Amino acid sequence: MARKKIPSIDELRDYREKQEAYLQDCIKNHKTFVITGPKFQGENIWVAKSTLPLMEATKEVGASFEEIWQLCRKLATLTHAPITKKEYERMIPFSKKPHTVDTVLQFLETNIPQYNQKRHCLDFDIVAYFYCYALISLSDYRQEDCQKQLWYAVDDFMERDRNMAMVLLRNMKVLEPIRPFLTPMKEKLEKATES
């Protein structure tokens, strides 16, 4: 069986631009936006809002495109932010790969939700975003940097978006028994969300 080609960043950008142009044309000209099944195998990975930023982060940190494509493939199959321990544990294999953790940290630092936009959920992959927080919560590699990013999210979400803070709190509650360093973050989020 032939190995599937991983798209370049430029190919992903071109694909996304064409999709956006089609959508804008439909809106501008009052056309029906037709949603079809995938036109090619793996299109669900190409279309995922997190794929391009993750692949750009891959280039930035010098990680393997094949390794991060595996993460993108997994994230593209997920339909909601993690809820159960089993769902969080989906990220364990990825959390053990140093280059994946490097890439996810870069992704989380540069791929921040636009809180001031009413429709940010349409332009942002919130599912992948919270699975990436699960990944760094589970990683033993660059643990200090992972914790710093988690603390940044705790403070940012508490200030800007209570709903996202609640999802992050669930991350802390589910993973705290196996990741005790999450306890102070959990307590801070609990205190902030009680009021």
C-alpha atoms as a PDB file:
ATOM      1  CA  MET A   1       0.000   0.000   0.000  1.00  0.00           C
ATOM      2  CA  ALA A   2       1.379   3.401  -0.974  1.00  0.00           C
ATOM      3  CA  ARG A   3       2.158   5.860   1.760  1.00  0.00           C
ATOM      4  CA  LYS A   4      -0.244   8.784   1.903  1.00  0.00           C
ATOM      5  CA  LYS A   5       1.233  12.179   1.085  1.00  0.00           C
ATOM      6  CA  ILE A   6       1.307  14.756   3.853  1.00  0.00           C
ATOM      7  CA  PRO A   7       0.371  18.158   2.433  1.00  0.00           C
ATOM      8  CA  SER A   8       2.749  21.069   2.618  1.00  0.00           C
ATOM      9  CA  ILE A   9       1.810  24.207   4.534  1.00  0.00           C
ATOM     10  CA  ASP A  10       1.275  25.998   1.210  1.00  0.00           C
ATOM     11  CA  GLU A  11      -1.081  23.255   0.003  1.00  0.00           C
ATOM     12  CA  LEU A  12      -3.055  23.496   3.242  1.00  0.00           C
ATOM     13  CA  ARG A  13      -3.229  27.301   2.924  1.00  0.00           C
ATOM     14  CA  ASP A  14      -4.384  27.091  -0.708  1.00  0.00           C
ATOM     15  CA  TYR A  15      -7.038  24.555   0.210  1.00  0.00           C
ATOM     16  CA  ARG A  16      -8.315  26.717   3.089  1.00  0.00           C
ATOM     17  CA  GLU A  17      -8.317  29.857   0.918  1.00  0.00           C
ATOM     18  CA  LYS A  18     -10.373  28.101  -1.774  1.00  0.00           C
ATOM     19  CA  GLN A  19     -12.835  26.846   0.832  1.00  0.00           C
ATOM     20  CA  GLU A  20     -13.166  30.339   2.306  1.00  0.00           C
ATOM     21  CA  ALA A  21     -13.564  31.916  -1.159  1.00  0.00           C
ATOM     22  CA  TYR A  22     -16.347  29.437  -1.973  1.00  0.00           C
ATOM     23  CA  LEU A  23     -18.127  30.249   1.287  1.00  0.00           C
ATOM     24  CA  GLN A  24     -17.792  33.999   0.735  1.00  0.00           C
ATOM     25  CA  ASP A  25     -19.079  33.665  -2.834  1.00  0.00           C
ATOM     26  CA  CYS A  26     -22.123  31.780  -1.563  1.00  0.00           C
ATOM     27  CA  ILE A  27     -22.818  34.451   1.043  1.00  0.00           C
ATOM     28  CA  LYS A  28     -22.238  37.385  -1.304  1.00  0.00           C
ATOM     29  CA  ASN A  29     -24.331  35.960  -4.145  1.00  0.00           C
ATOM     30  CA  HIS A  30     -27.025  34.321  -1.990  1.00  0.00           C
ATOM     31  CA  LYS A  31     -26.103  30.854  -3.204  1.00  0.00           C
ATOM     32  CA  THR A  32     -26.693  27.638  -1.332  1.00  0.00           C
ATOM     33  CA  PHE A  33     -23.558  26.433   0.417  1.00  0.00           C
ATOM     34  CA  VAL A  34     -23.343  22.759  -0.480  1.00  0.00           C
ATOM     35  CA  ILE A  35     -21.801  20.488   2.088  1.00  0.00           C
ATOM     36  CA  THR A  36     -20.652  17.230   0.586  1.00  0.00           C
ATOM     37  CA  GLY A  37     -18.754  14.268   1.869  1.00  0.00           C
ATOM     38  CA  PRO A  38     -14.989  14.240   1.604  1.00  0.00           C
ATOM     39  CA  LYS A  39     -13.692  14.740  -1.927  1.00  0.00           C
ATOM     40  CA  PHE A  40     -10.540  12.742  -1.135  1.00  0.00           C
ATOM     41  CA  GLN A  41      -9.280  10.472   1.620  1.00  0.00           C
ATOM     42  CA  GLY A  42      -8.111  12.489   4.603  1.00  0.00           C
ATOM     43  CA  GLU A  43      -9.934  15.685   3.641  1.00  0.00           C
ATOM     44  CA  ASN A  44     -11.357  15.853   7.164  1.00  0.00           C
ATOM     45  CA  ILE A  45      -7.787  16.439   8.374  1.00  0.00           C
ATOM     46  CA  TRP A  46      -7.162  19.183   5.801  1.00  0.00           C
ATOM     47  CA  VAL A  47     -10.390  20.980   6.723  1.00  0.00           C
ATOM     48  CA  ALA A  48      -9.869  20.873  10.502  1.00  0.00           C
ATOM     49  CA  LYS A  49      -9.205  24.391  11.784  1.00  0.00           C
ATOM     50  CA  SER A  50      -6.287  23.192  13.920  1.00  0.00           C
ATOM     51  CA  THR A  51      -4.344  21.420  11.156  1.00  0.00           C
ATOM     52  CA  LEU A  52      -2.778  24.430   9.456  1.00  0.00           C
ATOM     53  CA  PRO A  53      -1.693  26.159  12.709  1.00  0.00           C
ATOM     54  CA  LEU A  54      -0.277  22.875  14.040  1.00  0.00           C
ATOM     55  CA  MET A  55       1.664  22.279  10.830  1.00  0.00           C
ATOM     56  CA  GLU A  56       2.955  25.871  10.921  1.00  0.00           C
ATOM     57  CA  ALA A  57       4.072  25.306  14.522  1.00  0.00           C
ATOM     58  CA  THR A  58       5.769  22.103  13.353  1.00  0.00           C
ATOM     59  CA  LYS A  59       7.866  24.091  10.896  1.00  0.00           C
ATOM     60  CA  GLU A  60       8.600  26.725  13.540  1.00  0.00           C
ATOM     61  CA  VAL A  61      10.038  24.218  16.034  1.00  0.00           C
ATOM     62  CA  GLY A  62      11.624  21.914  13.454  1.00  0.00           C
ATOM     63  CA  ALA A  63       9.516  18.881  14.297  1.00  0.00           C
ATOM     64  CA  SER A  64       8.606  16.005  11.992  1.00  0.00           C
ATOM     65  CA  PHE A  65       5.628  16.710   9.750  1.00  0.00           C
ATOM     66  CA  GLU A  66       4.770  12.992   9.822  1.00  0.00           C
ATOM     67  CA  GLU A  67       4.665  12.982  13.623  1.00  0.00           C
ATOM     68  CA  ILE A  68       2.391  16.021  13.837  1.00  0.00           C
ATOM     69  CA  TRP A  69       0.215  14.792  10.960  1.00  0.00           C
ATOM     70  CA  GLN A  70      -0.578  11.784  13.184  1.00  0.00           C
ATOM     71  CA  LEU A  71      -1.754  14.181  15.904  1.00  0.00           C
ATOM     72  CA  CYS A  72      -3.775  16.176  13.352  1.00  0.00           C
ATOM     73  CA  ARG A  73      -5.345  12.941  12.116  1.00  0.00           C
ATOM     74  CA  LYS A  74      -6.390  12.054  15.658  1.00  0.00           C
ATOM     75  CA  LEU A  75      -7.707  15.543  16.450  1.00  0.00           C
ATOM     76  CA  ALA A  76      -9.756  15.583  13.235  1.00  0.00           C
ATOM     77  CA  THR A  77     -11.718  12.535  14.430  1.00  0.00           C
ATOM     78  CA  LEU A  78     -12.802  14.098  17.726  1.00  0.00           C
ATOM     79  CA  THR A  79     -16.228  15.692  18.060  1.00  0.00           C
ATOM     80  CA  HIS A  80     -16.099  17.360  21.480  1.00  0.00           C
ATOM     81  CA  ALA A  81     -13.635  18.506  24.089  1.00  0.00           C
ATOM     82  CA  PRO A  82     -12.505  15.721  26.416  1.00  0.00           C
ATOM     83  CA  ILE A  83     -14.889  14.835  29.233  1.00  0.00           C
ATOM     84  CA  THR A  84     -13.954  11.419  30.613  1.00  0.00           C
ATOM     85  CA  LYS A  85     -10.611  10.113  31.777  1.00  0.00           C
ATOM     86  CA  LYS A  86     -10.572   7.753  28.800  1.00  0.00           C
ATOM     87  CA  GLU A  87     -10.983  10.697  26.430  1.00  0.00           C
ATOM     88  CA  TYR A  88      -8.153  12.593  28.105  1.00  0.00           C
ATOM     89  CA  GLU A  89      -5.963   9.498  27.900  1.00  0.00           C
ATOM     90  CA  ARG A  90      -6.199   9.610  24.091  1.00  0.00           C
ATOM     91  CA  MET A  91      -3.397  12.155  24.291  1.00  0.00           C
ATOM     92  CA  ILE A  92      -0.978  10.013  26.327  1.00  0.00           C
ATOM     93  CA  PRO A  93       0.885   8.558  23.315  1.00  0.00           C
ATOM     94  CA  PHE A  94       1.365  12.060  21.889  1.00  0.00           C
ATOM     95  CA  SER A  95       2.402  13.520  25.269  1.00  0.00           C
ATOM     96  CA  LYS A  96       5.405  11.177  25.309  1.00  0.00           C
ATOM     97  CA  LYS A  97       6.861  12.589  22.064  1.00  0.00           C
ATOM     98  CA  PRO A  98       9.144  15.574  22.722  1.00  0.00           C
ATOM     99  CA  HIS A  99       8.723  17.136  19.267  1.00  0.00           C
ATOM    100  CA  THR A 100       4.949  16.841  19.517  1.00  0.00           C
ATOM    101  CA  VAL A 101       4.998  18.595  22.884  1.00  0.00           C
ATOM    102  CA  ASP A 102       7.262  21.320  21.458  1.00  0.00           C
ATOM    103  CA  THR A 103       4.838  21.804  18.571  1.00  0.00           C
ATOM    104  CA  VAL A 104       1.740  21.846  20.774  1.00  0.00           C
ATOM    105  CA  LEU A 105       3.302  24.407  23.118  1.00  0.00           C
ATOM    106  CA  GLN A 106       4.094  26.614  20.113  1.00  0.00           C
ATOM    107  CA  PHE A 107       0.543  26.077  18.795  1.00  0.00           C
ATOM    108  CA  LEU A 108      -1.029  27.051  22.133  1.00  0.00           C
ATOM    109  CA  GLU A 109       1.172  30.143  22.449  1.00  0.00           C
ATOM    110  CA  THR A 110       0.255  31.435  19.000  1.00  0.00           C
ATOM    111  CA  ASN A 111      -3.229  30.030  18.380  1.00  0.00           C
ATOM    112  CA  ILE A 112      -5.365  31.984  20.836  1.00  0.00           C
ATOM    113  CA  PRO A 113      -9.155  32.285  20.593  1.00  0.00           C
ATOM    114  CA  GLN A 114     -10.446  35.674  19.506  1.00  0.00           C
ATOM    115  CA  TYR A 115     -12.601  36.416  22.533  1.00  0.00           C
ATOM    116  CA  ASN A 116     -13.958  39.661  21.125  1.00  0.00           C
ATOM    117  CA  GLN A 117     -15.454  38.016  18.033  1.00  0.00           C
ATOM    118  CA  LYS A 118     -19.002  36.749  18.295  1.00  0.00           C
ATOM    119  CA  ARG A 119     -18.315  33.976  15.815  1.00  0.00           C
ATOM    120  CA  HIS A 120     -14.874  32.892  17.031  1.00  0.00           C
ATOM    121  CA  CYS A 121     -16.145  29.343  17.376  1.00  0.00           C
ATOM    122  CA  LEU A 122     -16.529  29.103  13.585  1.00  0.00           C
ATOM    123  CA  ASP A 123     -12.934  30.093  12.926  1.00  0.00           C
ATOM    124  CA  PHE A 124     -11.366  28.215  15.805  1.00  0.00           C
ATOM    125  CA  ASP A 125     -11.034  24.508  16.596  1.00  0.00           C
ATOM    126  CA  ILE A 126     -12.028  24.509  20.234  1.00  0.00           C
ATOM    127  CA  VAL A 127     -12.031  20.689  20.416  1.00  0.00           C
ATOM    128  CA  ALA A 128      -8.407  20.381  19.282  1.00  0.00           C
ATOM    129  CA  TYR A 129      -7.493  23.318  21.502  1.00  0.00           C
ATOM    130  CA  PHE A 130      -8.654  21.549  24.670  1.00  0.00           C
ATOM    131  CA  TYR A 131      -7.175  18.228  23.609  1.00  0.00           C
ATOM    132  CA  CYS A 132      -3.857  20.073  23.258  1.00  0.00           C
ATOM    133  CA  TYR A 133      -4.242  21.298  26.842  1.00  0.00           C
ATOM    134  CA  ALA A 134      -4.882  17.690  27.850  1.00  0.00           C
ATOM    135  CA  LEU A 135      -1.716  16.678  26.009  1.00  0.00           C
ATOM    136  CA  ILE A 136       0.526  19.150  27.825  1.00  0.00           C
ATOM    137  CA  SER A 137      -1.154  18.290  31.136  1.00  0.00           C
ATOM    138  CA  LEU A 138      -0.089  14.681  30.592  1.00  0.00           C
ATOM    139  CA  SER A 139       3.452  15.339  29.406  1.00  0.00           C
ATOM    140  CA  ASP A 140       6.589  14.875  31.494  1.00  0.00           C
ATOM    141  CA  TYR A 141       8.699  16.562  28.817  1.00  0.00           C
ATOM    142  CA  ARG A 142       9.298  20.314  29.311  1.00  0.00           C
ATOM    143  CA  GLN A 143       7.008  20.099  32.310  1.00  0.00           C
ATOM    144  CA  GLU A 144       7.922  23.584  33.523  1.00  0.00           C
ATOM    145  CA  ASP A 145       6.955  25.089  30.148  1.00  0.00           C
ATOM    146  CA  CYS A 146       3.774  23.010  30.046  1.00  0.00           C
ATOM    147  CA  GLN A 147       2.795  24.232  33.507  1.00  0.00           C
ATOM    148  CA  LYS A 148       3.566  27.819  32.534  1.00  0.00           C
ATOM    149  CA  GLN A 149       1.233  27.506  29.523  1.00  0.00           C
ATOM    150  CA  LEU A 150      -1.465  25.935  31.698  1.00  0.00           C
ATOM    151  CA  TRP A 151      -1.190  28.753  34.237  1.00  0.00           C
ATOM    152  CA  TYR A 152      -1.419  31.292  31.426  1.00  0.00           C
ATOM    153  CA  ALA A 153      -4.627  29.614  30.224  1.00  0.00           C
ATOM    154  CA  VAL A 154      -6.080  29.538  33.742  1.00  0.00           C
ATOM    155  CA  ASP A 155      -5.519  33.270  34.203  1.00  0.00           C
ATOM    156  CA  ASP A 156      -6.569  34.199  30.670  1.00  0.00           C
ATOM    157  CA  PHE A 157      -9.787  32.159  30.723  1.00  0.00           C
ATOM    158  CA  MET A 158     -10.746  33.416  34.182  1.00  0.00           C
ATOM    159  CA  GLU A 159     -10.421  36.977  32.933  1.00  0.00           C
ATOM    160  CA  ARG A 160     -11.932  36.608  29.466  1.00  0.00           C
ATOM    161  CA  ASP A 161     -14.202  33.570  29.099  1.00  0.00           C
ATOM    162  CA  ARG A 162     -15.911  31.783  31.956  1.00  0.00           C
ATOM    163  CA  ASN A 163     -17.146  28.950  29.712  1.00  0.00           C
ATOM    164  CA  MET A 164     -13.626  28.118  28.581  1.00  0.00           C
ATOM    165  CA  ALA A 165     -12.489  28.300  32.200  1.00  0.00           C
ATOM    166  CA  MET A 166     -15.083  25.653  33.036  1.00  0.00           C
ATOM    167  CA  VAL A 167     -13.752  23.318  30.338  1.00  0.00           C
ATOM    168  CA  LEU A 168     -10.207  23.839  31.577  1.00  0.00           C
ATOM    169  CA  LEU A 169     -11.411  23.166  35.132  1.00  0.00           C
ATOM    170  CA  ARG A 170     -12.726  19.801  33.944  1.00  0.00           C
ATOM    171  CA  ASN A 171      -9.222  19.092  32.582  1.00  0.00           C
ATOM    172  CA  MET A 172      -7.789  19.760  36.039  1.00  0.00           C
ATOM    173  CA  LYS A 173     -10.421  17.719  37.884  1.00  0.00           C
ATOM    174  CA  VAL A 174     -10.123  14.642  35.662  1.00  0.00           C
ATOM    175  CA  LEU A 175      -6.328  14.605  35.474  1.00  0.00           C
ATOM    176  CA  GLU A 176      -5.492  15.795  39.004  1.00  0.00           C
ATOM    177  CA  PRO A 177      -5.380  12.259  40.501  1.00  0.00           C
ATOM    178  CA  ILE A 178      -2.563  11.289  38.145  1.00  0.00           C
ATOM    179  CA  ARG A 179      -1.069  14.792  37.732  1.00  0.00           C
ATOM    180  CA  PRO A 180      -0.988  16.374  41.231  1.00  0.00           C
ATOM    181  CA  PHE A 181       0.688  19.571  39.989  1.00  0.00           C
ATOM    182  CA  LEU A 182      -2.734  20.499  38.536  1.00  0.00           C
ATOM    183  CA  THR A 183      -4.254  20.867  42.032  1.00  0.00           C
ATOM    184  CA  PRO A 184      -3.444  24.576  42.554  1.00  0.00           C
ATOM    185  CA  MET A 185      -4.774  25.366  39.078  1.00  0.00           C
ATOM    186  CA  LYS A 186      -7.947  23.426  39.802  1.00  0.00           C
ATOM    187  CA  GLU A 187      -8.441  25.243  43.102  1.00  0.00           C
ATOM    188  CA  LYS A 188      -7.937  28.657  41.497  1.00  0.00           C
ATOM    189  CA  LEU A 189     -10.437  27.850  38.743  1.00  0.00           C
ATOM    190  CA  GLU A 190     -12.958  26.465  41.240  1.00  0.00           C
ATOM    191  CA  LYS A 191     -12.736  29.590  43.345  1.00  0.00           C
ATOM    192  CA  ALA A 192     -13.163  31.847  40.296  1.00  0.00           C
ATOM    193  CA  THR A 193     -16.090  29.906  38.842  1.00  0.00           C
ATOM    194  CA  GLU A 194     -18.003  29.723  42.140  1.00  0.00           C
ATOM    195  CA  SER A 195     -18.581  33.455  42.213  1.00  0.00           C
END
